[in-house]
């Protein structure tokens, strides 16, 4: 498998992890501002940074793969 394909896979994984980490926090903040937001905060603190790292690694791998092609 080529490096650019791995990059695309990591970009998709990073986007998914960022969505899992940030969407519940945004929904809880906008729709239910008075409710306890413990689970969305934990998701944003544990899953979102990993998604950001995966996204950056994927962009880097995709860029190197595109240059090598």
N, C-alpha and C. Protein backbone atom coordinates (compact mmCIF):
# COMPACT_ATOMS: atom_id res chain seq x y z
N UNK A 1 0.85 -1.18 0.00
CA UNK A 1 0.00 0.00 0.00
C UNK A 1 0.89 1.23 0.00
N UNK A 2 0.52 2.19 -0.81
CA UNK A 2 1.32 3.41 -0.95
C UNK A 2 1.15 4.33 0.25
N UNK A 3 2.13 5.21 0.45
CA UNK A 3 2.13 6.12 1.58
C UNK A 3 0.97 7.11 1.50
N UNK A 4 0.60 7.52 0.29
CA UNK A 4 -0.51 8.47 0.17
C UNK A 4 -1.83 7.84 0.59
N UNK A 5 -1.98 6.53 0.37
CA UNK A 5 -3.20 5.85 0.84
C UNK A 5 -3.22 5.78 2.36
N UNK A 6 -2.08 5.51 2.97
CA UNK A 6 -2.01 5.53 4.43
C UNK A 6 -2.33 6.92 4.95
N UNK A 7 -1.86 7.94 4.25
CA UNK A 7 -2.16 9.31 4.64
C UNK A 7 -3.65 9.61 4.60
N UNK A 8 -4.31 9.15 3.54
CA UNK A 8 -5.76 9.36 3.43
C UNK A 8 -6.49 8.62 4.55
N UNK A 9 -6.03 7.41 4.86
CA UNK A 9 -6.67 6.64 5.94
C UNK A 9 -6.49 7.35 7.29
N UNK A 10 -5.30 7.90 7.53
CA UNK A 10 -5.08 8.61 8.79
C UNK A 10 -5.86 9.92 8.84
N UNK A 11 -6.02 10.58 7.70
CA UNK A 11 -6.84 11.80 7.67
C UNK A 11 -8.28 11.48 8.01
N UNK A 12 -8.81 10.40 7.45
CA UNK A 12 -10.18 10.00 7.76
C UNK A 12 -10.33 9.60 9.22
N UNK A 13 -9.35 8.86 9.75
CA UNK A 13 -9.39 8.48 11.16
C UNK A 13 -9.32 9.70 12.06
N UNK A 14 -8.45 10.63 11.75
CA UNK A 14 -8.34 11.85 12.55
C UNK A 14 -9.61 12.68 12.52
N UNK A 15 -10.23 12.78 11.35
CA UNK A 15 -11.49 13.52 11.25
C UNK A 15 -12.58 12.86 12.06
N UNK A 16 -12.63 11.53 12.02
CA UNK A 16 -13.63 10.80 12.80
C UNK A 16 -13.41 10.98 14.29
N UNK A 17 -12.17 10.87 14.74
CA UNK A 17 -11.89 11.04 16.17
C UNK A 17 -12.16 12.48 16.63
N UNK A 18 -11.83 13.45 15.79
CA UNK A 18 -12.15 14.83 16.15
C UNK A 18 -13.65 15.05 16.23
N UNK A 19 -14.40 14.45 15.32
CA UNK A 19 -15.85 14.57 15.36
C UNK A 19 -16.42 13.91 16.61
N UNK A 20 -15.91 12.73 16.95
CA UNK A 20 -16.38 12.05 18.17
C UNK A 20 -16.04 12.86 19.41
N UNK A 21 -14.92 13.55 19.38
CA UNK A 21 -14.51 14.32 20.55
C UNK A 21 -15.16 15.68 20.67
N UNK A 22 -15.43 16.33 19.55
CA UNK A 22 -15.89 17.73 19.62
C UNK A 22 -17.39 17.91 19.41
N UNK A 23 -18.01 17.07 18.61
CA UNK A 23 -19.45 17.25 18.33
C UNK A 23 -20.31 17.13 19.59
N UNK A 24 -20.10 16.12 20.46
CA UNK A 24 -20.93 16.07 21.67
C UNK A 24 -20.76 17.31 22.56
N UNK A 25 -19.55 17.85 22.60
CA UNK A 25 -19.32 19.04 23.42
C UNK A 25 -20.09 20.25 22.86
N UNK A 26 -20.07 20.41 21.55
CA UNK A 26 -20.79 21.51 20.92
C UNK A 26 -22.29 21.34 21.09
N UNK A 27 -22.79 20.13 20.92
CA UNK A 27 -24.23 19.87 21.07
C UNK A 27 -24.67 20.14 22.51
N UNK A 28 -23.90 19.66 23.47
CA UNK A 28 -24.26 19.90 24.88
C UNK A 28 -24.20 21.38 25.23
N UNK A 29 -23.23 22.10 24.67
CA UNK A 29 -23.10 23.52 24.99
C UNK A 29 -24.22 24.34 24.36
N UNK A 30 -24.71 23.93 23.18
CA UNK A 30 -25.73 24.74 22.52
C UNK A 30 -27.16 24.33 22.89
N UNK A 31 -27.41 23.02 22.97
CA UNK A 31 -28.78 22.57 23.22
C UNK A 31 -29.11 22.42 24.70
N UNK A 32 -28.16 22.00 25.51
CA UNK A 32 -28.39 21.75 26.93
C UNK A 32 -27.34 22.47 27.78
N UNK A 33 -27.39 23.80 27.84
CA UNK A 33 -26.34 24.51 28.56
C UNK A 33 -26.39 24.32 30.09
N UNK A 34 -27.54 23.93 30.64
CA UNK A 34 -27.64 23.77 32.09
C UNK A 34 -27.28 22.37 32.57
N UNK A 35 -27.22 21.40 31.66
CA UNK A 35 -26.95 20.02 32.05
C UNK A 35 -25.46 19.82 32.33
N UNK A 36 -25.17 18.78 33.08
CA UNK A 36 -23.78 18.44 33.37
C UNK A 36 -23.13 17.90 32.10
N UNK A 37 -21.99 18.42 31.77
CA UNK A 37 -21.31 18.06 30.52
C UNK A 37 -20.05 17.25 30.78
N UNK A 38 -20.12 16.34 31.74
CA UNK A 38 -18.93 15.58 32.10
C UNK A 38 -18.47 14.64 30.98
N UNK A 39 -19.37 13.90 30.38
CA UNK A 39 -18.99 12.96 29.33
C UNK A 39 -18.45 13.69 28.09
N UNK A 40 -19.12 14.73 27.59
CA UNK A 40 -18.54 15.43 26.44
C UNK A 40 -17.18 16.06 26.74
N UNK A 41 -16.99 16.54 27.95
CA UNK A 41 -15.68 17.11 28.30
C UNK A 41 -14.62 16.02 28.31
N UNK A 42 -14.95 14.87 28.87
CA UNK A 42 -13.98 13.77 28.87
C UNK A 42 -13.67 13.30 27.45
N UNK A 43 -14.68 13.26 26.59
CA UNK A 43 -14.44 12.88 25.20
C UNK A 43 -13.54 13.90 24.51
N UNK A 44 -13.80 15.18 24.76
CA UNK A 44 -13.00 16.20 24.09
C UNK A 44 -11.57 16.22 24.61
N UNK A 45 -11.37 15.83 25.86
CA UNK A 45 -10.01 15.83 26.41
C UNK A 45 -9.24 14.55 26.11
N UNK A 46 -9.93 13.46 25.81
CA UNK A 46 -9.23 12.20 25.57
C UNK A 46 -9.17 11.82 24.09
N UNK A 47 -10.23 12.04 23.35
CA UNK A 47 -10.29 11.57 21.97
C UNK A 47 -9.87 12.65 20.98
N UNK A 48 -10.22 13.89 21.24
CA UNK A 48 -9.94 14.96 20.29
C UNK A 48 -8.44 15.20 20.08
N UNK A 49 -7.59 15.19 21.12
CA UNK A 49 -6.15 15.36 20.84
C UNK A 49 -5.57 14.24 19.99
N UNK A 50 -6.01 13.02 20.23
CA UNK A 50 -5.55 11.90 19.41
C UNK A 50 -6.01 12.07 17.96
N UNK A 51 -7.21 12.56 17.78
CA UNK A 51 -7.69 12.83 16.42
C UNK A 51 -6.88 13.91 15.74
N UNK A 52 -6.49 14.94 16.48
CA UNK A 52 -5.65 15.98 15.90
C UNK A 52 -4.29 15.47 15.49
N UNK A 53 -3.70 14.61 16.31
CA UNK A 53 -2.40 14.02 15.98
C UNK A 53 -2.52 13.13 14.74
N UNK A 54 -3.57 12.32 14.69
CA UNK A 54 -3.79 11.46 13.51
C UNK A 54 -4.01 12.30 12.26
N UNK A 55 -4.73 13.39 12.39
CA UNK A 55 -4.99 14.25 11.24
C UNK A 55 -3.69 14.88 10.73
N UNK A 56 -2.87 15.38 11.64
CA UNK A 56 -1.60 15.97 11.22
C UNK A 56 -0.66 14.93 10.62
N UNK A 57 -0.61 13.74 11.22
CA UNK A 57 0.23 12.67 10.67
C UNK A 57 -0.26 12.26 9.29
N UNK A 58 -1.57 12.20 9.11
CA UNK A 58 -2.13 11.84 7.81
C UNK A 58 -1.82 12.87 6.75
N UNK A 59 -1.91 14.15 7.10
CA UNK A 59 -1.58 15.21 6.15
C UNK A 59 -0.11 15.13 5.77
N UNK A 60 0.75 14.88 6.74
CA UNK A 60 2.18 14.75 6.48
C UNK A 60 2.47 13.55 5.58
N UNK A 61 1.86 12.40 5.88
CA UNK A 61 2.09 11.21 5.06
C UNK A 61 1.54 11.40 3.65
N UNK A 62 0.38 12.01 3.54
CA UNK A 62 -0.19 12.24 2.22
C UNK A 62 0.70 13.18 1.41
N UNK A 63 1.21 14.23 2.06
CA UNK A 63 2.10 15.17 1.37
C UNK A 63 3.38 14.51 0.90
N UNK A 64 3.99 13.68 1.74
CA UNK A 64 5.22 12.99 1.33
C UNK A 64 4.91 12.01 0.21
N UNK A 65 3.78 11.32 0.30
CA UNK A 65 3.39 10.39 -0.76
C UNK A 65 3.12 11.10 -2.09
N UNK A 66 2.54 12.29 -2.00
CA UNK A 66 2.26 13.04 -3.22
C UNK A 66 3.56 13.55 -3.85
N UNK A 67 4.52 13.93 -3.04
CA UNK A 67 5.80 14.39 -3.56
C UNK A 67 6.58 13.24 -4.21
N UNK A 68 6.51 12.06 -3.59
CA UNK A 68 7.23 10.91 -4.12
C UNK A 68 6.64 10.37 -5.41
N UNK A 69 5.37 10.67 -5.66
CA UNK A 69 4.73 10.19 -6.88
C UNK A 69 5.21 10.97 -8.02
